[in-house]
Amino acid sequence: MSNFTAMLNSWEAKSQQAADRAQVSLSLHKHDLVKIKALAEAYGLDEATITESLIHTAIKEAESAMPYVKGTRVIRVEEGEEVFADAGKTPTYVEAEQKINQSMLTT
């Protein structure tokens, strides 16, 4: 019985992962495609899995690298110190991400 339950749970997880994916078409430099194909061959994975992983990791790195730019507006006071709003790209990015995510949920 537990093998069957494990199988059903695995199917459910895979179904959820599939539902969270979106197909896109993109152009790559030939030398990048060669590297993706080589990584896929080296790790025994398909090119889509390699590409998806690389993009996911690159996005996380880009998000963490976005610099805080001290603005002029105080948004709160912590332990007597003023905390200023970020005047960099992060607030615009977060707002756009939320707007796009919401529109994708309603379509």
PDB file of N, CA and C in Angstrom:
ATOM      1  N   MET A   1       0.819  -1.203   0.000  1.00  0.00           N
ATOM      2  CA  MET A   1       0.000   0.000   0.000  1.00  0.00           C
ATOM      3  C   MET A   1       0.860   1.262   0.000  1.00  0.00           C
ATOM      4  N   SER A   2       1.973   1.259   0.735  1.00  0.00           N
ATOM      5  CA  SER A   2       2.797   2.459   0.803  1.00  0.00           C
ATOM      6  C   SER A   2       3.488   2.742  -0.533  1.00  0.00           C
ATOM      7  N   ASN A   3       3.811   1.717  -1.310  1.00  0.00           N
ATOM      8  CA  ASN A   3       4.397   1.939  -2.638  1.00  0.00           C
ATOM      9  C   ASN A   3       3.407   2.655  -3.546  1.00  0.00           C
ATOM     10  N   PHE A   4       2.146   2.250  -3.454  1.00  0.00           N
ATOM     11  CA  PHE A   4       1.111   2.872  -4.261  1.00  0.00           C
ATOM     12  C   PHE A   4       0.913   4.329  -3.840  1.00  0.00           C
ATOM     13  N   THR A   5       0.900   4.572  -2.532  1.00  0.00           N
ATOM     14  CA  THR A   5       0.755   5.934  -2.015  1.00  0.00           C
ATOM     15  C   THR A   5       1.930   6.797  -2.456  1.00  0.00           C
ATOM     16  N   ALA A   6       3.137   6.255  -2.400  1.00  0.00           N
ATOM     17  CA  ALA A   6       4.323   6.989  -2.831  1.00  0.00           C
ATOM     18  C   ALA A   6       4.229   7.334  -4.315  1.00  0.00           C
ATOM     19  N   MET A   7       3.739   6.398  -5.116  1.00  0.00           N
ATOM     20  CA  MET A   7       3.590   6.641  -6.543  1.00  0.00           C
ATOM     21  C   MET A   7       2.587   7.766  -6.792  1.00  0.00           C
ATOM     22  N   LEU A   8       1.446   7.711  -6.114  1.00  0.00           N
ATOM     23  CA  LEU A   8       0.432   8.752  -6.276  1.00  0.00           C
ATOM     24  C   LEU A   8       0.962  10.118  -5.837  1.00  0.00           C
ATOM     25  N   ASN A   9       1.701  10.140  -4.743  1.00  0.00           N
ATOM     26  CA  ASN A   9       2.290  11.395  -4.268  1.00  0.00           C
ATOM     27  C   ASN A   9       3.296  11.932  -5.286  1.00  0.00           C
ATOM     28  N   SER A  10       4.071  11.043  -5.890  1.00  0.00           N
ATOM     29  CA  SER A  10       5.029  11.436  -6.920  1.00  0.00           C
ATOM     30  C   SER A  10       4.299  12.018  -8.129  1.00  0.00           C
ATOM     31  N   TRP A  11       3.218  11.371  -8.534  1.00  0.00           N
ATOM     32  CA  TRP A  11       2.428  11.877  -9.657  1.00  0.00           C
ATOM     33  C   TRP A  11       1.874  13.261  -9.347  1.00  0.00           C
ATOM     34  N   GLU A  12       1.392  13.431  -8.134  1.00  0.00           N
ATOM     35  CA  GLU A  12       0.819  14.716  -7.725  1.00  0.00           C
ATOM     36  C   GLU A  12       1.885  15.816  -7.785  1.00  0.00           C
ATOM     37  N   ALA A  13       3.066  15.505  -7.281  1.00  0.00           N
ATOM     38  CA  ALA A  13       4.160  16.480  -7.290  1.00  0.00           C
ATOM     39  C   ALA A  13       4.550  16.830  -8.722  1.00  0.00           C
ATOM     40  N   LYS A  14       4.651  15.828  -9.589  1.00  0.00           N
ATOM     41  CA  LYS A  14       5.002  16.075 -10.986  1.00  0.00           C
ATOM     42  C   LYS A  14       3.919  16.869 -11.700  1.00  0.00           C
ATOM     43  N   SER A  15       2.674  16.583 -11.360  1.00  0.00           N
ATOM     44  CA  SER A  15       1.558  17.321 -11.948  1.00  0.00           C
ATOM     45  C   SER A  15       1.625  18.791 -11.555  1.00  0.00           C
ATOM     46  N   GLN A  16       1.940  19.057 -10.294  1.00  0.00           N
ATOM     47  CA  GLN A  16       2.045  20.436  -9.813  1.00  0.00           C
ATOM     48  C   GLN A  16       3.213  21.146 -10.492  1.00  0.00           C
ATOM     49  N   GLN A  17       4.336  20.448 -10.627  1.00  0.00           N
ATOM     50  CA  GLN A  17       5.495  21.043 -11.286  1.00  0.00           C
ATOM     51  C   GLN A  17       5.167  21.384 -12.734  1.00  0.00           C
ATOM     52  N   ALA A  18       4.459  20.496 -13.419  1.00  0.00           N
ATOM     53  CA  ALA A  18       4.087  20.737 -14.814  1.00  0.00           C
ATOM     54  C   ALA A  18       3.155  21.936 -14.928  1.00  0.00           C
ATOM     55  N   ALA A  19       2.245  22.071 -13.967  1.00  0.00           N
ATOM     56  CA  ALA A  19       1.297  23.185 -13.990  1.00  0.00           C
ATOM     57  C   ALA A  19       2.000  24.523 -13.777  1.00  0.00           C
ATOM     58  N   ASP A  20       3.146  24.506 -13.100  1.00  0.00           N
ATOM     59  CA  ASP A  20       3.879  25.729 -12.803  1.00  0.00           C
ATOM     60  C   ASP A  20       4.810  26.152 -13.937  1.00  0.00           C
ATOM     61  N   ARG A  21       4.832  25.412 -15.011  1.00  0.00           N
ATOM     62  CA  ARG A  21       5.736  25.708 -16.120  1.00  0.00           C
ATOM     63  C   ARG A  21       4.992  26.403 -17.258  1.00  0.00           C
ATOM     64  N   ALA A  22       5.756  27.173 -18.026  1.00  0.00           N
ATOM     65  CA  ALA A  22       5.219  27.838 -19.209  1.00  0.00           C
ATOM     66  C   ALA A  22       6.205  27.628 -20.348  1.00  0.00           C
ATOM     67  N   GLN A  23       5.685  27.370 -21.523  1.00  0.00           N
ATOM     68  CA  GLN A  23       6.523  27.195 -22.713  1.00  0.00           C
ATOM     69  C   GLN A  23       6.883  28.559 -23.271  1.00  0.00           C
ATOM     70  N   VAL A  24       8.144  28.740 -23.612  1.00  0.00           N
ATOM     71  CA  VAL A  24       8.597  29.968 -24.266  1.00  0.00           C
ATOM     72  C   VAL A  24       9.564  29.598 -25.379  1.00  0.00           C
ATOM     73  N   SER A  25       9.684  30.492 -26.319  1.00  0.00           N
ATOM     74  CA  SER A  25      10.647  30.323 -27.398  1.00  0.00           C
ATOM     75  C   SER A  25      11.705  31.393 -27.225  1.00  0.00           C
ATOM     76  N   LEU A  26      12.968  31.019 -27.377  1.00  0.00           N
ATOM     77  CA  LEU A  26      14.006  32.013 -27.234  1.00  0.00           C
ATOM     78  C   LEU A  26      15.136  31.748 -28.206  1.00  0.00           C
ATOM     79  N   SER A  27      15.849  32.794 -28.524  1.00  0.00           N
ATOM     80  CA  SER A  27      17.016  32.696 -29.395  1.00  0.00           C
ATOM     81  C   SER A  27      18.263  32.698 -28.533  1.00  0.00           C
ATOM     82  N   LEU A  28      19.237  31.893 -28.932  1.00  0.00           N
ATOM     83  CA  LEU A  28      20.498  31.810 -28.199  1.00  0.00           C
ATOM     84  C   LEU A  28      21.656  31.986 -29.172  1.00  0.00           C
ATOM     85  N   HIS A  29      22.757  32.449 -28.645  1.00  0.00           N
ATOM     86  CA  HIS A  29      23.983  32.430 -29.434  1.00  0.00           C
ATOM     87  C   HIS A  29      24.369  30.972 -29.638  1.00  0.00           C
ATOM     88  N   LYS A  30      24.916  30.678 -30.793  1.00  0.00           N
ATOM     89  CA  LYS A  30      25.272  29.291 -31.103  1.00  0.00           C
ATOM     90  C   LYS A  30      26.234  28.708 -30.082  1.00  0.00           C
ATOM     91  N   HIS A  31      27.205  29.511 -29.631  1.00  0.00           N
ATOM     92  CA  HIS A  31      28.168  28.976 -28.670  1.00  0.00           C
ATOM     93  C   HIS A  31      27.500  28.656 -27.321  1.00  0.00           C
ATOM     94  N   ASP A  32      26.443  29.405 -26.961  1.00  0.00           N
ATOM     95  CA  ASP A  32      25.710  29.087 -25.733  1.00  0.00           C
ATOM     96  C   ASP A  32      24.919  27.794 -25.898  1.00  0.00           C
ATOM     97  N   LEU A  33      24.333  27.614 -27.075  1.00  0.00           N
ATOM     98  CA  LEU A  33      23.591  26.380 -27.342  1.00  0.00           C
ATOM     99  C   LEU A  33      24.523  25.173 -27.296  1.00  0.00           C
ATOM    100  N   VAL A  34      25.722  25.331 -27.821  1.00  0.00           N
ATOM    101  CA  VAL A  34      26.707  24.247 -27.766  1.00  0.00           C
ATOM    102  C   VAL A  34      26.993  23.883 -26.303  1.00  0.00           C
ATOM    103  N   LYS A  35      27.138  24.885 -25.473  1.00  0.00           N
ATOM    104  CA  LYS A  35      27.428  24.632 -24.053  1.00  0.00           C
ATOM    105  C   LYS A  35      26.249  23.961 -23.356  1.00  0.00           C
ATOM    106  N   ILE A  36      25.031  24.384 -23.680  1.00  0.00           N
ATOM    107  CA  ILE A  36      23.844  23.746 -23.100  1.00  0.00           C
ATOM    108  C   ILE A  36      23.785  22.290 -23.520  1.00  0.00           C
ATOM    109  N   LYS A  37      24.017  22.022 -24.797  1.00  0.00           N
ATOM    110  CA  LYS A  37      24.006  20.644 -25.284  1.00  0.00           C
ATOM    111  C   LYS A  37      25.097  19.814 -24.608  1.00  0.00           C
ATOM    112  N   ALA A  38      26.263  20.408 -24.421  1.00  0.00           N
ATOM    113  CA  ALA A  38      27.359  19.697 -23.761  1.00  0.00           C
ATOM    114  C   ALA A  38      27.033  19.406 -22.299  1.00  0.00           C
ATOM    115  N   LEU A  39      26.437  20.375 -21.607  1.00  0.00           N
ATOM    116  CA  LEU A  39      26.028  20.137 -20.218  1.00  0.00           C
ATOM    117  C   LEU A  39      24.974  19.038 -20.148  1.00  0.00           C
ATOM    118  N   ALA A  40      24.025  19.067 -21.061  1.00  0.00           N
ATOM    119  CA  ALA A  40      22.979  18.039 -21.093  1.00  0.00           C
ATOM    120  C   ALA A  40      23.597  16.660 -21.302  1.00  0.00           C
ATOM    121  N   GLU A  41      24.542  16.576 -22.223  1.00  0.00           N
ATOM    122  CA  GLU A  41      25.197  15.298 -22.487  1.00  0.00           C
ATOM    123  C   GLU A  41      26.028  14.843 -21.287  1.00  0.00           C
ATOM    124  N   ALA A  42      26.762  15.766 -20.695  1.00  0.00           N
ATOM    125  CA  ALA A  42      27.621  15.425 -19.560  1.00  0.00           C
ATOM    126  C   ALA A  42      26.825  14.935 -18.352  1.00  0.00           C
ATOM    127  N   TYR A  43      25.643  15.540 -18.127  1.00  0.00           N
ATOM    128  CA  TYR A  43      24.841  15.199 -16.954  1.00  0.00           C
ATOM    129  C   TYR A  43      23.698  14.236 -17.261  1.00  0.00           C
ATOM    130  N   GLY A  44      23.570  13.848 -18.513  1.00  0.00           N
ATOM    131  CA  GLY A  44      22.519  12.902 -18.873  1.00  0.00           C
ATOM    132  C   GLY A  44      21.121  13.464 -18.694  1.00  0.00           C
ATOM    133  N   LEU A  45      20.980  14.753 -18.945  1.00  0.00           N
ATOM    134  CA  LEU A  45      19.683  15.427 -18.820  1.00  0.00           C
ATOM    135  C   LEU A  45      19.305  16.016 -20.173  1.00  0.00           C
ATOM    136  N   ASP A  46      18.033  16.372 -20.317  1.00  0.00           N
ATOM    137  CA  ASP A  46      17.623  16.992 -21.575  1.00  0.00           C
ATOM    138  C   ASP A  46      17.978  18.483 -21.561  1.00  0.00           C
ATOM    139  N   GLU A  47      18.059  19.051 -22.736  1.00  0.00           N
ATOM    140  CA  GLU A  47      18.460  20.451 -22.890  1.00  0.00           C
ATOM    141  C   GLU A  47      17.485  21.411 -22.204  1.00  0.00           C
ATOM    142  N   ALA A  48      16.210  21.073 -22.213  1.00  0.00           N
ATOM    143  CA  ALA A  48      15.212  21.938 -21.571  1.00  0.00           C
ATOM    144  C   ALA A  48      15.455  22.022 -20.067  1.00  0.00           C
ATOM    145  N   THR A  49      15.797  20.909 -19.438  1.00  0.00           N
ATOM    146  CA  THR A  49      16.065  20.903 -17.997  1.00  0.00           C
ATOM    147  C   THR A  49      17.289  21.742 -17.680  1.00  0.00           C
ATOM    148  N   ILE A  50      18.338  21.594 -18.493  1.00  0.00           N
ATOM    149  CA  ILE A  50      19.555  22.383 -18.288  1.00  0.00           C
ATOM    150  C   ILE A  50      19.250  23.870 -18.456  1.00  0.00           C
ATOM    151  N   THR A  51      18.549  24.231 -19.525  1.00  0.00           N
ATOM    152  CA  THR A  51      18.222  25.628 -19.802  1.00  0.00           C
ATOM    153  C   THR A  51      17.362  26.216 -18.691  1.00  0.00           C
ATOM    154  N   GLU A  52      16.355  25.468 -18.274  1.00  0.00           N
ATOM    155  CA  GLU A  52      15.476  25.931 -17.194  1.00  0.00           C
ATOM    156  C   GLU A  52      16.273  26.192 -15.920  1.00  0.00           C
ATOM    157  N   SER A  53      17.162  25.287 -15.570  1.00  0.00           N
ATOM    158  CA  SER A  53      17.975  25.441 -14.363  1.00  0.00           C
ATOM    159  C   SER A  53      18.902  26.644 -14.454  1.00  0.00           C
ATOM    160  N   LEU A  54      19.528  26.811 -15.613  1.00  0.00           N
ATOM    161  CA  LEU A  54      20.430  27.948 -15.798  1.00  0.00           C
ATOM    162  C   LEU A  54      19.687  29.280 -15.694  1.00  0.00           C
ATOM    163  N   ILE A  55      18.533  29.369 -16.324  1.00  0.00           N
ATOM    164  CA  ILE A  55      17.757  30.611 -16.267  1.00  0.00           C
ATOM    165  C   ILE A  55      17.292  30.890 -14.842  1.00  0.00           C
ATOM    166  N   HIS A  56      16.803  29.849 -14.161  1.00  0.00           N
ATOM    167  CA  HIS A  56      16.336  30.009 -12.776  1.00  0.00           C
ATOM    168  C   HIS A  56      17.462  30.537 -11.886  1.00  0.00           C
ATOM    169  N   THR A  57      18.632  29.931 -12.011  1.00  0.00           N
ATOM    170  CA  THR A  57      19.778  30.342 -11.204  1.00  0.00           C
ATOM    171  C   THR A  57      20.223  31.758 -11.555  1.00  0.00           C
ATOM    172  N   ALA A  58      20.229  32.088 -12.828  1.00  0.00           N
ATOM    173  CA  ALA A  58      20.621  33.436 -13.261  1.00  0.00           C
ATOM    174  C   ALA A  58      19.658  34.493 -12.719  1.00  0.00           C
ATOM    175  N   ILE A  59      18.367  34.183 -12.719  1.00  0.00           N
ATOM    176  CA  ILE A  59      17.378  35.131 -12.192  1.00  0.00           C
ATOM    177  C   ILE A  59      17.605  35.363 -10.711  1.00  0.00           C
ATOM    178  N   LYS A  60      17.822  34.299  -9.958  1.00  0.00           N
ATOM    179  CA  LYS A  60      18.072  34.439  -8.512  1.00  0.00           C
ATOM    180  C   LYS A  60      19.320  35.286  -8.266  1.00  0.00           C
ATOM    181  N   GLU A  61      20.368  35.055  -9.038  1.00  0.00           N
ATOM    182  CA  GLU A  61      21.606  35.826  -8.897  1.00  0.00           C
ATOM    183  C   GLU A  61      21.368  37.297  -9.245  1.00  0.00           C
ATOM    184  N   ALA A  62      20.619  37.547 -10.316  1.00  0.00           N
ATOM    185  CA  ALA A  62      20.335  38.926 -10.726  1.00  0.00           C
ATOM    186  C   ALA A  62      19.533  39.647  -9.646  1.00  0.00           C
ATOM    187  N   GLU A  63      18.544  38.961  -9.082  1.00  0.00           N
ATOM    188  CA  GLU A  63      17.732  39.572  -8.025  1.00  0.00           C
ATOM    189  C   GLU A  63      18.591  39.939  -6.815  1.00  0.00           C
ATOM    190  N   SER A  64      19.477  39.034  -6.423  1.00  0.00           N
ATOM    191  CA  SER A  64      20.288  39.304  -5.237  1.00  0.00           C
ATOM    192  C   SER A  64      21.361  40.360  -5.510  1.00  0.00           C
ATOM    193  N   ALA A  65      21.707  40.561  -6.783  1.00  0.00           N
ATOM    194  CA  ALA A  65      22.730  41.549  -7.132  1.00  0.00           C
ATOM    195  C   ALA A  65      22.163  42.954  -7.321  1.00  0.00           C
ATOM    196  N   MET A  66      20.843  43.077  -7.370  1.00  0.00           N
ATOM    197  CA  MET A  66      20.256  44.408  -7.567  1.00  0.00           C
ATOM    198  C   MET A  66      20.609  45.279  -6.360  1.00  0.00           C
ATOM    199  N   PRO A  67      21.272  46.392  -6.598  1.00  0.00           N
ATOM    200  CA  PRO A  67      21.739  47.206  -5.465  1.00  0.00           C
ATOM    201  C   PRO A  67      20.620  48.040  -4.840  1.00  0.00           C
ATOM    202  N   TYR A  68      20.740  48.209  -3.535  1.00  0.00           N
ATOM    203  CA  TYR A  68      19.877  49.145  -2.810  1.00  0.00           C
ATOM    204  C   TYR A  68      20.412  50.541  -3.078  1.00  0.00           C
ATOM    205  N   VAL A  69      19.520  51.440  -3.480  1.00  0.00           N
ATOM    206  CA  VAL A  69      19.893  52.840  -3.693  1.00  0.00           C
ATOM    207  C   VAL A  69      19.067  53.669  -2.704  1.00  0.00           C
ATOM    208  N   LYS A  70      19.754  54.293  -1.789  1.00  0.00           N
ATOM    209  CA  LYS A  70      19.077  55.063  -0.745  1.00  0.00           C
ATOM    210  C   LYS A  70      18.292  56.216  -1.339  1.00  0.00           C
ATOM    211  N   GLY A  71      16.979  56.183  -1.087  1.00  0.00           N
ATOM    212  CA  GLY A  71      16.128  57.264  -1.551  1.00  0.00           C
ATOM    213  C   GLY A  71      16.028  58.377  -0.525  1.00  0.00           C
ATOM    214  N   THR A  72      15.108  59.286  -0.764  1.00  0.00           N
ATOM    215  CA  THR A  72      14.939  60.423   0.146  1.00  0.00           C
ATOM    216  C   THR A  72      13.751  60.244   1.091  1.00  0.00           C
ATOM    217  N   ARG A  73      12.864  59.278   0.763  1.00  0.00           N
ATOM    218  CA  ARG A  73      11.648  59.082   1.556  1.00  0.00           C
ATOM    219  C   ARG A  73      11.909  58.078   2.690  1.00  0.00           C
ATOM    220  N   VAL A  74      11.602  58.492   3.915  1.00  0.00           N
ATOM    221  CA  VAL A  74      11.730  57.606   5.076  1.00  0.00           C
ATOM    222  C   VAL A  74      10.504  56.704   5.108  1.00  0.00           C
ATOM    223  N   ILE A  75      10.720  55.383   5.167  1.00  0.00           N
ATOM    224  CA  ILE A  75       9.591  54.452   5.163  1.00  0.00           C
ATOM    225  C   ILE A  75       9.299  53.884   6.548  1.00  0.00           C
ATOM    226  N   ARG A  76      10.284  53.959   7.440  1.00  0.00           N
ATOM    227  CA  ARG A  76      10.063  53.528   8.823  1.00  0.00           C
ATOM    228  C   ARG A  76      11.277  53.932   9.658  1.00  0.00           C
ATOM    229  N   VAL A  77      11.122  53.767  10.958  1.00  0.00           N
ATOM    230  CA  VAL A  77      12.229  54.024  11.883  1.00  0.00           C
ATOM    231  C   VAL A  77      12.452  52.745  12.670  1.00  0.00           C
ATOM    232  N   GLU A  78      13.690  52.265  12.643  1.00  0.00           N
ATOM    233  CA  GLU A  78      14.057  51.055  13.378  1.00  0.00           C
ATOM    234  C   GLU A  78      15.132  51.407  14.385  1.00  0.00           C
ATOM    235  N   GLU A  79      14.846  51.152  15.648  1.00  0.00           N
ATOM    236  CA  GLU A  79      15.797  51.421  16.724  1.00  0.00           C
ATOM    237  C   GLU A  79      16.345  52.840  16.646  1.00  0.00           C
ATOM    238  N   GLY A  80      15.458  53.782  16.339  1.00  0.00           N
ATOM    239  CA  GLY A  80      15.826  55.188  16.277  1.00  0.00           C
ATOM    240  C   GLY A  80      16.494  55.614  14.982  1.00  0.00           C
ATOM    241  N   GLU A  81      16.730  54.687  14.072  1.00  0.00           N
ATOM    242  CA  GLU A  81      17.379  54.998  12.795  1.00  0.00           C
ATOM    243  C   GLU A  81      16.349  55.042  11.673  1.00  0.00           C
ATOM    244  N   GLU A  82      16.437  56.068  10.855  1.00  0.00           N
ATOM    245  CA  GLU A  82      15.536  56.173   9.716  1.00  0.00           C
ATOM    246  C   GLU A  82      15.923  55.152   8.635  1.00  0.00           C
ATOM    247  N   VAL A  83      14.920  54.502   8.059  1.00  0.00           N
ATOM    248  CA  VAL A  83      15.129  53.571   6.955  1.00  0.00           C
ATOM    249  C   VAL A  83      14.503  54.230   5.726  1.00  0.00           C
ATOM    250  N   PHE A  84      15.319  54.386   4.688  1.00  0.00           N
ATOM    251  CA  PHE A  84      14.880  55.086   3.490  1.00  0.00           C
ATOM    252  C   PHE A  84      14.418  54.104   2.411  1.00  0.00           C
ATOM    253  N   ALA A  85      13.439  54.540   1.642  1.00  0.00           N
ATOM    254  CA  ALA A  85      12.934  53.725   0.540  1.00  0.00           C
ATOM    255  C   ALA A  85      14.040  53.493  -0.481  1.00  0.00           C
ATOM    256  N   ASP A  86      13.992  52.363  -1.138  1.00  0.00           N
ATOM    257  CA  ASP A  86      14.950  52.029  -2.190  1.00  0.00           C
ATOM    258  C   ASP A  86      14.585  52.827  -3.444  1.00  0.00           C
ATOM    259  N   ALA A  87      15.518  53.613  -3.942  1.00  0.00           N
ATOM    260  CA  ALA A  87      15.291  54.414  -5.148  1.00  0.00           C
ATOM    261  C   ALA A  87      15.896  53.744  -6.383  1.00  0.00           C
ATOM    262  N   GLY A  88      16.365  52.516  -6.216  1.00  0.00           N
ATOM    263  CA  GLY A  88      16.954  51.779  -7.339  1.00  0.00           C
ATOM    264  C   GLY A  88      15.889  51.049  -8.148  1.00  0.00           C
ATOM    265  N   LYS A  89      16.311  50.046  -8.861  1.00  0.00           N
ATOM    266  CA  LYS A  89      15.426  49.284  -9.750  1.00  0.00           C
ATOM    267  C   LYS A  89      14.591  48.231  -9.015  1.00  0.00           C
ATOM    268  N   THR A  90      14.975  47.874  -7.792  1.00  0.00           N
ATOM    269  CA  THR A  90      14.269  46.803  -7.085  1.00  0.00           C
ATOM    270  C   THR A  90      12.773  47.073  -6.919  1.00  0.00           C
ATOM    271  N   PRO A  91      12.354  48.238  -6.452  1.00  0.00           N
ATOM    272  CA  PRO A  91      10.913  48.463  -6.309  1.00  0.00           C
ATOM    273  C   PRO A  91      10.153  48.355  -7.636  1.00  0.00           C
ATOM    274  N   THR A  92      10.726  48.876  -8.708  1.00  0.00           N
ATOM    275  CA  THR A  92      10.094  48.782 -10.025  1.00  0.00           C
ATOM    276  C   THR A  92      10.010  47.334 -10.469  1.00  0.00           C
ATOM    277  N   TYR A  93      11.074  46.586 -10.221  1.00  0.00           N
ATOM    278  CA  TYR A  93      11.114  45.163 -10.566  1.00  0.00           C
ATOM    279  C   TYR A  93      10.044  44.391  -9.792  1.00  0.00           C
ATOM    280  N   VAL A  94       9.967  44.599  -8.497  1.00  0.00           N
ATOM    281  CA  VAL A  94       8.996  43.888  -7.663  1.00  0.00           C
ATOM    282  C   VAL A  94       7.568  44.225  -8.092  1.00  0.00           C
ATOM    283  N   GLU A  95       7.314  45.487  -8.366  1.00  0.00           N
ATOM    284  CA  GLU A  95       5.982  45.915  -8.814  1.00  0.00           C
ATOM    285  C   GLU A  95       5.620  45.252 -10.151  1.00  0.00           C
ATOM    286  N   ALA A  96       6.552  45.254 -11.084  1.00  0.00           N
ATOM    287  CA  ALA A  96       6.315  44.627 -12.394  1.00  0.00           C
ATOM    288  C   ALA A  96       6.100  43.127 -12.238  1.00  0.00           C
ATOM    289  N   GLU A  97       6.904  42.494 -11.396  1.00  0.00           N
ATOM    290  CA  GLU A  97       6.767  41.054 -11.165  1.00  0.00           C
ATOM    291  C   GLU A  97       5.378  40.718 -10.615  1.00  0.00           C
ATOM    292  N   GLN A  98       4.926  41.485  -9.647  1.00  0.00           N
ATOM    293  CA  GLN A  98       3.607  41.246  -9.062  1.00  0.00           C
ATOM    294  C   GLN A  98       2.492  41.465 -10.075  1.00  0.00           C
ATOM    295  N   LYS A  99       2.598  42.523 -10.873  1.00  0.00           N
ATOM    296  CA  LYS A  99       1.586  42.827 -11.886  1.00  0.00           C
ATOM    297  C   LYS A  99       1.525  41.722 -12.939  1.00  0.00           C
ATOM    298  N   ILE A 100       2.675  41.296 -13.409  1.00  0.00           N
ATOM    299  CA  ILE A 100       2.736  40.245 -14.431  1.00  0.00           C
ATOM    300  C   ILE A 100       2.245  38.919 -13.871  1.00  0.00           C
ATOM    301  N   ASN A 101       2.662  38.606 -12.654  1.00  0.00           N
ATOM    302  CA  ASN A 101       2.199  37.369 -12.019  1.00  0.00           C
ATOM    303  C   ASN A 101       0.680  37.352 -11.879  1.00  0.00           C
ATOM    304  N   GLN A 102       0.110  38.470 -11.469  1.00  0.00           N
ATOM    305  CA  GLN A 102      -1.346  38.567 -11.322  1.00  0.00           C
ATOM    306  C   GLN A 102      -2.045  38.388 -12.660  1.00  0.00           C
ATOM    307  N   SER A 103      -1.506  39.014 -13.703  1.00  0.00           N
ATOM    308  CA  SER A 103      -2.139  38.879 -15.022  1.00  0.00           C
ATOM    309  C   SER A 103      -2.021  37.461 -15.552  1.00  0.00           C
ATOM    310  N   MET A 104      -0.943  36.766 -15.228  1.00  0.00           N
ATOM    311  CA  MET A 104      -0.778  35.378 -15.679  1.00  0.00           C
ATOM    312  C   MET A 104      -1.710  34.431 -14.918  1.00  0.00           C
ATOM    313  N   LEU A 105      -2.046  34.781 -13.684  1.00  0.00           N
ATOM    314  CA  LEU A 105      -2.962  33.959 -12.904  1.00  0.00           C
ATOM    315  C   LEU A 105      -4.396  34.067 -13.401  1.00  0.00           C
ATOM    316  N   THR A 106      -4.733  35.223 -13.991  1.00  0.00           N
ATOM    317  CA  THR A 106      -6.116  35.448 -14.425  1.00  0.00           C
ATOM    318  C   THR A 106      -6.334  35.013 -15.878  1.00  0.00           C
ATOM    319  N   THR A 107      -5.282  34.599 -16.578  1.00  0.00           N
ATOM    320  CA  THR A 107      -5.469  34.166 -17.966  1.00  0.00           C
ATOM    321  C   THR A 107      -5.436  32.671 -18.084  1.00  0.00           C
TER     322      THR A 107
END
